[in-house]
Amino acid sequence: MTGRNLLLSSLLFLGVVTTPVWTASSAQAAPETLTIAAANSLKDALRQILPLFEAQNKDINVRVIYGPSQTLGKQIEEGAPIDVFLPSQVEEIDQLEKIGLVIQGTKRAYAGTSVVLIAGPEFPSSVTSVQDLRPALVQHIALGDPKTSLVGKVATQYLQYSKLDSKLRSQFVYGEHSRAVLDLVSKGEADLGIVYRTDAVSNKKIRILEEAPKDSHQPVHYGVAAVWTAKNIPAAGDFINFLEKPKVQDVLQDHGVVPITPK
């Protein structure tokens, strides 16, 4: 056996295997995934914000799951693999925090929005506010279901404040969330609807009749937090901080969201 063959036999016997050595120049680590669960009402704003975040963080790919905040919260309770929770009300995060499902120190209220009364394309233009409404004018008014959606709860508060809840109740039709209510009105299946401003501002098929007075319902404050199922906590922290940057707040304002003092 030659010296070369003897060396090869020895290496095989010892189980030594030679492998290529990869360097940064020959291979690049795959981007990490950041999974966000976000309220439907944030969809338009996030379509602009997320590319900005990914451009600044090229090692992170963002995956978003949209849905009603309460449904997303339930999924997080049940162990869904979520890094960041972006509900339409910070109270949804408070509920998870009470049962120990929020990573300490990550909860923030970063923005707010208002609640608006909207009308469909065929609704009389003489009606300009909630005080002009009469049951004879309205066949259907679309609301979120107060049992399953936060927008439904604040819409009910607004109608009770305006003393119209009992007068119009027989005309109520329910959508699962704010976007569903918007669709009912824009498609003419309801004359009126009550939605978040974030959903209404970009839809050209409806008109905003009135913004609900601030004292007519509980405040709508958007919250953010990293949750117990997070697998990418550093990226979650980067995204939470990113939401408070001036350029991001500018985008949010374009979509009916206003800055608030972080808690």
C-alpha atoms as a PDB file:
ATOM      1  CA  MET A   1       0.000   0.000   0.000  1.00  0.00           C
ATOM      2  CA  THR A   2       1.417   3.395  -0.956  1.00  0.00           C
ATOM      3  CA  GLY A   3       1.814   6.159   1.622  1.00  0.00           C
ATOM      4  CA  ARG A   4      -1.151   8.059   0.083  1.00  0.00           C
ATOM      5  CA  ASN A   5      -3.431   5.019   0.241  1.00  0.00           C
ATOM      6  CA  LEU A   6      -2.332   4.320   3.796  1.00  0.00           C
ATOM      7  CA  LEU A   7      -3.229   7.883   4.850  1.00  0.00           C
ATOM      8  CA  LEU A   8      -6.671   7.660   3.207  1.00  0.00           C
ATOM      9  CA  SER A   9      -7.359   4.321   4.858  1.00  0.00           C
ATOM     10  CA  SER A  10      -6.389   5.760   8.235  1.00  0.00           C
ATOM     11  CA  LEU A  11      -8.714   8.752   7.798  1.00  0.00           C
ATOM     12  CA  LEU A  12     -11.642   6.523   6.831  1.00  0.00           C
ATOM     13  CA  PHE A  13     -10.961   4.229   9.766  1.00  0.00           C
ATOM     14  CA  LEU A  14     -10.992   7.155  12.190  1.00  0.00           C
ATOM     15  CA  GLY A  15     -14.212   8.509  10.684  1.00  0.00           C
ATOM     16  CA  VAL A  16     -12.617  11.755   9.560  1.00  0.00           C
ATOM     17  CA  VAL A  17     -14.644  13.431   6.806  1.00  0.00           C
ATOM     18  CA  THR A  18     -13.481  16.533   5.030  1.00  0.00           C
ATOM     19  CA  THR A  19     -16.149  19.160   4.219  1.00  0.00           C
ATOM     20  CA  PRO A  20     -16.018  22.485   2.439  1.00  0.00           C
ATOM     21  CA  VAL A  21     -15.419  25.508   4.640  1.00  0.00           C
ATOM     22  CA  TRP A  22     -18.027  28.208   3.838  1.00  0.00           C
ATOM     23  CA  THR A  23     -17.164  31.824   4.376  1.00  0.00           C
ATOM     24  CA  ALA A  24     -19.288  34.940   4.278  1.00  0.00           C
ATOM     25  CA  SER A  25     -18.110  35.611   0.784  1.00  0.00           C
ATOM     26  CA  SER A  26     -19.195  32.213  -0.569  1.00  0.00           C
ATOM     27  CA  ALA A  27     -22.495  31.743   1.259  1.00  0.00           C
ATOM     28  CA  GLN A  28     -24.942  34.049   2.979  1.00  0.00           C
ATOM     29  CA  ALA A  29     -27.132  33.115   5.934  1.00  0.00           C
ATOM     30  CA  ALA A  30     -30.788  32.730   5.038  1.00  0.00           C
ATOM     31  CA  PRO A  31     -32.975  35.614   6.263  1.00  0.00           C
ATOM     32  CA  GLU A  32     -34.805  34.996   9.525  1.00  0.00           C
ATOM     33  CA  THR A  33     -38.600  35.091   9.584  1.00  0.00           C
ATOM     34  CA  LEU A  34     -40.555  37.496  11.765  1.00  0.00           C
ATOM     35  CA  THR A  35     -44.208  36.491  12.115  1.00  0.00           C
ATOM     36  CA  ILE A  36     -46.702  39.257  12.894  1.00  0.00           C
ATOM     37  CA  ALA A  37     -50.371  38.842  13.774  1.00  0.00           C
ATOM     38  CA  ALA A  38     -52.092  42.108  12.820  1.00  0.00           C
ATOM     39  CA  ALA A  39     -55.609  43.531  12.956  1.00  0.00           C
ATOM     40  CA  ASN A  40     -57.379  43.787   9.612  1.00  0.00           C
ATOM     41  CA  SER A  41     -57.638  47.566  10.024  1.00  0.00           C
ATOM     42  CA  LEU A  42     -53.844  47.859   9.762  1.00  0.00           C
ATOM     43  CA  LYS A  43     -53.549  46.079   6.423  1.00  0.00           C
ATOM     44  CA  ASP A  44     -53.199  49.153   4.197  1.00  0.00           C
ATOM     45  CA  ALA A  45     -50.674  50.855   6.467  1.00  0.00           C
ATOM     46  CA  LEU A  46     -48.559  47.728   6.878  1.00  0.00           C
ATOM     47  CA  ARG A  47     -48.377  47.239   3.129  1.00  0.00           C
ATOM     48  CA  GLN A  48     -46.280  50.400   3.098  1.00  0.00           C
ATOM     49  CA  ILE A  49     -44.470  49.993   6.397  1.00  0.00           C
ATOM     50  CA  LEU A  50     -43.226  46.418   6.078  1.00  0.00           C
ATOM     51  CA  PRO A  51     -41.156  46.989   2.896  1.00  0.00           C
ATOM     52  CA  LEU A  52     -39.466  49.900   4.697  1.00  0.00           C
ATOM     53  CA  PHE A  53     -38.629  47.633   7.631  1.00  0.00           C
ATOM     54  CA  GLU A  54     -37.318  44.840   5.416  1.00  0.00           C
ATOM     55  CA  ALA A  55     -35.193  47.285   3.422  1.00  0.00           C
ATOM     56  CA  GLN A  56     -33.576  48.427   6.658  1.00  0.00           C
ATOM     57  CA  ASN A  57     -33.276  44.861   7.999  1.00  0.00           C
ATOM     58  CA  LYS A  58     -32.195  42.729   5.067  1.00  0.00           C
ATOM     59  CA  ASP A  59     -31.656  39.680   7.278  1.00  0.00           C
ATOM     60  CA  ILE A  60     -35.365  39.586   8.221  1.00  0.00           C
ATOM     61  CA  ASN A  61     -38.347  38.413   6.165  1.00  0.00           C
ATOM     62  CA  VAL A  62     -41.733  39.437   7.542  1.00  0.00           C
ATOM     63  CA  ARG A  63     -44.750  37.138   7.433  1.00  0.00           C
ATOM     64  CA  VAL A  64     -48.128  38.660   8.367  1.00  0.00           C
ATOM     65  CA  ILE A  65     -51.340  36.995   9.484  1.00  0.00           C
ATOM     66  CA  TYR A  66     -54.349  39.351   9.355  1.00  0.00           C
ATOM     67  CA  GLY A  67     -57.610  38.860  11.200  1.00  0.00           C
ATOM     68  CA  PRO A  68     -59.941  40.214  13.883  1.00  0.00           C
ATOM     69  CA  SER A  69     -57.924  41.148  16.966  1.00  0.00           C
ATOM     70  CA  GLN A  70     -59.890  38.922  19.313  1.00  0.00           C
ATOM     71  CA  THR A  71     -59.466  35.913  17.027  1.00  0.00           C
ATOM     72  CA  LEU A  72     -55.721  36.509  16.749  1.00  0.00           C
ATOM     73  CA  GLY A  73     -55.482  36.855  20.522  1.00  0.00           C
ATOM     74  CA  LYS A  74     -57.192  33.490  20.978  1.00  0.00           C
ATOM     75  CA  GLN A  75     -54.772  31.882  18.522  1.00  0.00           C
ATOM     76  CA  ILE A  76     -51.833  33.261  20.495  1.00  0.00           C
ATOM     77  CA  GLU A  77     -53.327  31.868  23.719  1.00  0.00           C
ATOM     78  CA  GLU A  78     -53.508  28.474  22.023  1.00  0.00           C
ATOM     79  CA  GLY A  79     -49.842  28.579  21.010  1.00  0.00           C
ATOM     80  CA  ALA A  80     -49.849  29.873  17.435  1.00  0.00           C
ATOM     81  CA  PRO A  81     -46.246  30.613  16.338  1.00  0.00           C
ATOM     82  CA  ILE A  82     -46.404  34.418  16.484  1.00  0.00           C
ATOM     83  CA  ASP A  83     -43.564  36.827  17.282  1.00  0.00           C
ATOM     84  CA  VAL A  84     -45.400  40.183  17.347  1.00  0.00           C
ATOM     85  CA  PHE A  85     -49.047  40.971  18.075  1.00  0.00           C
ATOM     86  CA  LEU A  86     -50.572  44.130  16.535  1.00  0.00           C
ATOM     87  CA  PRO A  87     -54.234  44.300  17.594  1.00  0.00           C
ATOM     88  CA  SER A  88     -56.602  47.200  17.007  1.00  0.00           C
ATOM     89  CA  GLN A  89     -56.857  47.884  20.743  1.00  0.00           C
ATOM     90  CA  VAL A  90     -54.068  47.731  23.296  1.00  0.00           C
ATOM     91  CA  GLU A  91     -56.579  46.112  25.670  1.00  0.00           C
ATOM     92  CA  GLU A  92     -56.189  42.885  23.695  1.00  0.00           C
ATOM     93  CA  ILE A  93     -52.539  42.839  24.737  1.00  0.00           C
ATOM     94  CA  ASP A  94     -53.517  43.658  28.333  1.00  0.00           C
ATOM     95  CA  GLN A  95     -55.641  40.503  28.409  1.00  0.00           C
ATOM     96  CA  LEU A  96     -52.729  38.352  27.253  1.00  0.00           C
ATOM     97  CA  GLU A  97     -50.407  40.101  29.687  1.00  0.00           C
ATOM     98  CA  LYS A  98     -52.678  39.228  32.628  1.00  0.00           C
ATOM     99  CA  ILE A  99     -52.165  35.526  31.950  1.00  0.00           C
ATOM    100  CA  GLY A 100     -48.430  35.820  31.365  1.00  0.00           C
ATOM    101  CA  LEU A 101     -48.406  35.552  27.570  1.00  0.00           C
ATOM    102  CA  VAL A 102     -46.615  38.839  26.770  1.00  0.00           C
ATOM    103  CA  ILE A 103     -42.838  39.196  26.960  1.00  0.00           C
ATOM    104  CA  GLN A 104     -42.144  41.664  29.741  1.00  0.00           C
ATOM    105  CA  GLY A 105     -41.190  45.163  28.675  1.00  0.00           C
ATOM    106  CA  THR A 106     -42.306  44.868  25.048  1.00  0.00           C
ATOM    107  CA  LYS A 107     -45.885  46.219  25.254  1.00  0.00           C
ATOM    108  CA  ARG A 108     -46.456  49.680  23.815  1.00  0.00           C
ATOM    109  CA  ALA A 109     -49.348  51.832  22.650  1.00  0.00           C
ATOM    110  CA  TYR A 110     -47.848  53.462  19.581  1.00  0.00           C
ATOM    111  CA  ALA A 111     -50.807  55.047  17.747  1.00  0.00           C
ATOM    112  CA  GLY A 112     -54.535  55.624  17.783  1.00  0.00           C
ATOM    113  CA  THR A 113     -57.437  56.097  15.415  1.00  0.00           C
ATOM    114  CA  SER A 114     -60.992  57.391  15.456  1.00  0.00           C
ATOM    115  CA  VAL A 115     -64.375  55.839  14.757  1.00  0.00           C
ATOM    116  CA  VAL A 116     -66.383  57.191  11.828  1.00  0.00           C
ATOM    117  CA  LEU A 117     -69.896  56.927  10.452  1.00  0.00           C
ATOM    118  CA  ILE A 118     -69.786  56.104   6.740  1.00  0.00           C
ATOM    119  CA  ALA A 119     -72.407  56.086   3.992  1.00  0.00           C
ATOM    120  CA  GLY A 120     -72.703  54.159   0.755  1.00  0.00           C
ATOM    121  CA  PRO A 121     -72.903  55.680  -2.728  1.00  0.00           C
ATOM    122  CA  GLU A 122     -76.724  55.740  -2.871  1.00  0.00           C
ATOM    123  CA  PHE A 123     -77.374  57.238   0.530  1.00  0.00           C
ATOM    124  CA  PRO A 124     -78.985  60.731   0.516  1.00  0.00           C
ATOM    125  CA  SER A 125     -76.395  63.490   0.558  1.00  0.00           C
ATOM    126  CA  SER A 126     -78.651  65.581   2.804  1.00  0.00           C
ATOM    127  CA  VAL A 127     -77.603  63.380   5.734  1.00  0.00           C
ATOM    128  CA  THR A 128     -74.329  64.724   7.066  1.00  0.00           C
ATOM    129  CA  SER A 129     -74.221  63.525  10.675  1.00  0.00           C
ATOM    130  CA  VAL A 130     -75.590  60.898  13.001  1.00  0.00           C
ATOM    131  CA  GLN A 131     -78.142  63.412  14.308  1.00  0.00           C
ATOM    132  CA  ASP A 132     -79.788  63.543  10.850  1.00  0.00           C
ATOM    133  CA  LEU A 133     -80.567  59.833  10.931  1.00  0.00           C
ATOM    134  CA  ARG A 134     -84.144  58.603  11.076  1.00  0.00           C
ATOM    135  CA  PRO A 135     -85.257  54.956  10.953  1.00  0.00           C
ATOM    136  CA  ALA A 136     -87.244  55.693   7.776  1.00  0.00           C
ATOM    137  CA  LEU A 137     -84.034  56.710   6.001  1.00  0.00           C
ATOM    138  CA  VAL A 138     -82.071  53.591   6.904  1.00  0.00           C
ATOM    139  CA  GLN A 139     -82.713  50.061   5.726  1.00  0.00           C
ATOM    140  CA  HIS A 140     -79.494  48.590   7.051  1.00  0.00           C
ATOM    141  CA  ILE A 141     -76.658  49.917   9.190  1.00  0.00           C
ATOM    142  CA  ALA A 142     -73.562  47.728   9.348  1.00  0.00           C
ATOM    143  CA  LEU A 143     -71.646  47.212  12.591  1.00  0.00           C
ATOM    144  CA  GLY A 144     -69.003  44.849  13.815  1.00  0.00           C
ATOM    145  CA  ASP A 145     -70.448  42.151  16.023  1.00  0.00           C
ATOM    146  CA  PRO A 146     -69.873  43.499  19.562  1.00  0.00           C
ATOM    147  CA  LYS A 147     -69.549  39.924  20.854  1.00  0.00           C
ATOM    148  CA  THR A 148     -66.566  39.153  18.646  1.00  0.00           C
ATOM    149  CA  SER A 149     -65.032  42.446  17.478  1.00  0.00           C
ATOM    150  CA  LEU A 150     -63.679  45.553  19.144  1.00  0.00           C
ATOM    151  CA  VAL A 151     -65.008  47.832  16.415  1.00  0.00           C
ATOM    152  CA  GLY A 152     -68.472  46.458  17.202  1.00  0.00           C
ATOM    153  CA  LYS A 153     -68.076  47.373  20.854  1.00  0.00           C
ATOM    154  CA  VAL A 154     -67.062  50.975  20.164  1.00  0.00           C
ATOM    155  CA  ALA A 155     -69.760  51.332  17.483  1.00  0.00           C
ATOM    156  CA  THR A 156     -72.396  50.270  20.015  1.00  0.00           C
ATOM    157  CA  GLN A 157     -71.015  52.765  22.539  1.00  0.00           C
ATOM    158  CA  TYR A 158     -71.185  55.520  19.917  1.00  0.00           C
ATOM    159  CA  LEU A 159     -74.820  54.738  19.047  1.00  0.00           C
ATOM    160  CA  GLN A 160     -75.789  54.595  22.709  1.00  0.00           C
ATOM    161  CA  TYR A 161     -74.114  57.972  23.244  1.00  0.00           C
ATOM    162  CA  SER A 162     -76.076  59.357  20.271  1.00  0.00           C
ATOM    163  CA  LYS A 163     -79.306  57.834  21.653  1.00  0.00           C
ATOM    164  CA  LEU A 164     -79.849  55.902  18.425  1.00  0.00           C
ATOM    165  CA  ASP A 165     -79.085  52.364  19.571  1.00  0.00           C
ATOM    166  CA  SER A 166     -82.691  51.439  20.362  1.00  0.00           C
ATOM    167  CA  LYS A 167     -84.150  53.367  17.407  1.00  0.00           C
ATOM    168  CA  LEU A 168     -81.984  51.687  14.769  1.00  0.00           C
ATOM    169  CA  ARG A 169     -81.411  48.255  16.307  1.00  0.00           C
ATOM    170  CA  SER A 170     -83.837  46.484  13.981  1.00  0.00           C
ATOM    171  CA  GLN A 171     -81.773  47.723  11.027  1.00  0.00           C
ATOM    172  CA  PHE A 172     -78.432  46.384  12.290  1.00  0.00           C
ATOM    173  CA  VAL A 173     -76.464  43.946  10.163  1.00  0.00           C
ATOM    174  CA  TYR A 174     -73.176  42.589  11.428  1.00  0.00           C
ATOM    175  CA  GLY A 175     -69.746  42.102   9.919  1.00  0.00           C
ATOM    176  CA  GLU A 176     -66.976  40.061  11.486  1.00  0.00           C
ATOM    177  CA  HIS A 177     -64.584  43.029  11.648  1.00  0.00           C
ATOM    178  CA  SER A 178     -64.136  46.614  10.449  1.00  0.00           C
ATOM    179  CA  ARG A 179     -63.151  45.605   6.904  1.00  0.00           C
ATOM    180  CA  ALA A 180     -66.237  43.411   6.592  1.00  0.00           C
ATOM    181  CA  VAL A 181     -68.431  46.337   7.671  1.00  0.00           C
ATOM    182  CA  LEU A 182     -66.736  48.553   5.089  1.00  0.00           C
ATOM    183  CA  ASP A 183     -67.417  45.972   2.369  1.00  0.00           C
ATOM    184  CA  LEU A 184     -71.118  45.822   3.252  1.00  0.00           C
ATOM    185  CA  VAL A 185     -71.429  49.582   2.824  1.00  0.00           C
ATOM    186  CA  SER A 186     -69.228  49.965  -0.273  1.00  0.00           C
ATOM    187  CA  LYS A 187     -71.149  47.178  -2.051  1.00  0.00           C
ATOM    188  CA  GLY A 188     -74.515  48.747  -1.225  1.00  0.00           C
ATOM    189  CA  GLU A 189     -75.609  45.937   1.078  1.00  0.00           C
ATOM    190  CA  ALA A 190     -75.908  48.451   3.928  1.00  0.00           C
ATOM    191  CA  ASP A 191     -76.720  52.160   3.776  1.00  0.00           C
ATOM    192  CA  LEU A 192     -74.461  53.128   6.656  1.00  0.00           C
ATOM    193  CA  GLY A 193     -71.669  51.655   8.703  1.00  0.00           C
ATOM    194  CA  ILE A 194     -69.433  52.434  11.643  1.00  0.00           C
ATOM    195  CA  VAL A 195     -65.762  51.627  11.139  1.00  0.00           C
ATOM    196  CA  TYR A 196     -62.271  52.707  12.099  1.00  0.00           C
ATOM    197  CA  ARG A 197     -60.973  55.700  10.161  1.00  0.00           C
ATOM    198  CA  THR A 198     -58.020  53.535   9.101  1.00  0.00           C
ATOM    199  CA  ASP A 199     -60.366  51.464   6.948  1.00  0.00           C
ATOM    200  CA  ALA A 200     -62.411  54.343   5.571  1.00  0.00           C
ATOM    201  CA  VAL A 201     -59.779  56.838   4.413  1.00  0.00           C
ATOM    202  CA  SER A 202     -58.585  54.912   1.356  1.00  0.00           C
ATOM    203  CA  ASN A 203     -61.952  53.659   0.095  1.00  0.00           C
ATOM    204  CA  LYS A 204     -63.376  55.830  -2.695  1.00  0.00           C
ATOM    205  CA  LYS A 205     -66.736  54.021  -2.760  1.00  0.00           C
ATOM    206  CA  ILE A 206     -67.900  55.443   0.558  1.00  0.00           C
ATOM    207  CA  ARG A 207     -68.014  58.843   2.203  1.00  0.00           C
ATOM    208  CA  ILE A 208     -67.332  59.726   5.803  1.00  0.00           C
ATOM    209  CA  LEU A 209     -70.321  61.491   7.334  1.00  0.00           C
ATOM    210  CA  GLU A 210     -69.009  62.113  10.811  1.00  0.00           C
ATOM    211  CA  GLU A 211     -66.213  61.313  13.204  1.00  0.00           C
ATOM    212  CA  ALA A 212     -67.492  60.033  16.525  1.00  0.00           C
ATOM    213  CA  PRO A 213     -66.773  62.395  19.430  1.00  0.00           C
ATOM    214  CA  LYS A 214     -63.868  61.201  21.550  1.00  0.00           C
ATOM    215  CA  ASP A 215     -66.024  60.919  24.636  1.00  0.00           C
ATOM    216  CA  SER A 216     -68.639  58.779  22.849  1.00  0.00           C
ATOM    217  CA  HIS A 217     -66.611  55.557  23.094  1.00  0.00           C
ATOM    218  CA  GLN A 218     -63.521  54.070  24.659  1.00  0.00           C
ATOM    219  CA  PRO A 219     -60.276  55.245  23.041  1.00  0.00           C
ATOM    220  CA  VAL A 220     -58.974  53.187  20.138  1.00  0.00           C
ATOM    221  CA  HIS A 221     -55.260  52.806  20.800  1.00  0.00           C
ATOM    222  CA  TYR A 222     -53.190  50.477  18.668  1.00  0.00           C
ATOM    223  CA  GLY A 223     -50.831  48.366  20.736  1.00  0.00           C
ATOM    224  CA  VAL A 224     -47.868  46.150  19.958  1.00  0.00           C
ATOM    225  CA  ALA A 225     -46.016  43.479  21.919  1.00  0.00           C
ATOM    226  CA  ALA A 226     -43.849  40.414  21.563  1.00  0.00           C
ATOM    227  CA  VAL A 227     -45.724  37.359  22.796  1.00  0.00           C
ATOM    228  CA  TRP A 228     -44.852  34.118  24.542  1.00  0.00           C
ATOM    229  CA  THR A 229     -44.616  32.069  21.352  1.00  0.00           C
ATOM    230  CA  ALA A 230     -41.978  34.395  19.839  1.00  0.00           C
ATOM    231  CA  LYS A 231     -39.027  32.597  18.274  1.00  0.00           C
ATOM    232  CA  ASN A 232     -37.271  35.718  17.000  1.00  0.00           C
ATOM    233  CA  ILE A 233     -37.242  38.095  19.950  1.00  0.00           C
ATOM    234  CA  PRO A 234     -34.416  40.371  18.689  1.00  0.00           C
ATOM    235  CA  ALA A 235     -36.242  40.975  15.386  1.00  0.00           C
ATOM    236  CA  ALA A 236     -39.492  41.521  17.288  1.00  0.00           C
ATOM    237  CA  GLY A 237     -37.779  44.214  19.345  1.00  0.00           C
ATOM    238  CA  ASP A 238     -36.376  45.840  16.212  1.00  0.00           C
ATOM    239  CA  PHE A 239     -39.844  45.993  14.662  1.00  0.00           C
ATOM    240  CA  ILE A 240     -41.477  47.408  17.786  1.00  0.00           C
ATOM    241  CA  ASN A 241     -38.884  50.189  17.910  1.00  0.00           C
ATOM    242  CA  PHE A 242     -39.288  50.780  14.165  1.00  0.00           C
ATOM    243  CA  LEU A 243     -42.985  51.624  14.591  1.00  0.00           C
ATOM    244  CA  GLU A 244     -42.082  54.754  16.541  1.00  0.00           C
ATOM    245  CA  LYS A 245     -39.743  56.197  13.909  1.00  0.00           C
ATOM    246  CA  PRO A 246     -40.968  59.509  12.409  1.00  0.00           C
ATOM    247  CA  LYS A 247     -41.166  58.154   8.847  1.00  0.00           C
ATOM    248  CA  VAL A 248     -43.357  55.277  10.028  1.00  0.00           C
ATOM    249  CA  GLN A 249     -45.601  57.587  12.014  1.00  0.00           C
ATOM    250  CA  ASP A 250     -46.001  59.695   8.844  1.00  0.00           C
ATOM    251  CA  VAL A 251     -47.206  56.625   6.932  1.00  0.00           C
ATOM    252  CA  LEU A 252     -49.613  55.770   9.734  1.00  0.00           C
ATOM    253  CA  GLN A 253     -51.094  59.267   9.645  1.00  0.00           C
ATOM    254  CA  ASP A 254     -51.721  58.903   5.901  1.00  0.00           C
ATOM    255  CA  HIS A 255     -53.878  55.901   6.781  1.00  0.00           C
ATOM    256  CA  GLY A 256     -55.990  57.539   9.471  1.00  0.00           C
ATOM    257  CA  VAL A 257     -53.756  56.651  12.413  1.00  0.00           C
ATOM    258  CA  VAL A 258     -52.513  59.345  14.774  1.00  0.00           C
ATOM    259  CA  PRO A 259     -49.474  59.240  17.074  1.00  0.00           C
ATOM    260  CA  ILE A 260     -50.006  58.970  20.803  1.00  0.00           C
ATOM    261  CA  THR A 261     -47.598  59.213  23.696  1.00  0.00           C
ATOM    262  CA  PRO A 262     -46.193  55.688  24.196  1.00  0.00           C
ATOM    263  CA  LYS A 263     -47.109  54.048  27.462  1.00  0.00           C
END
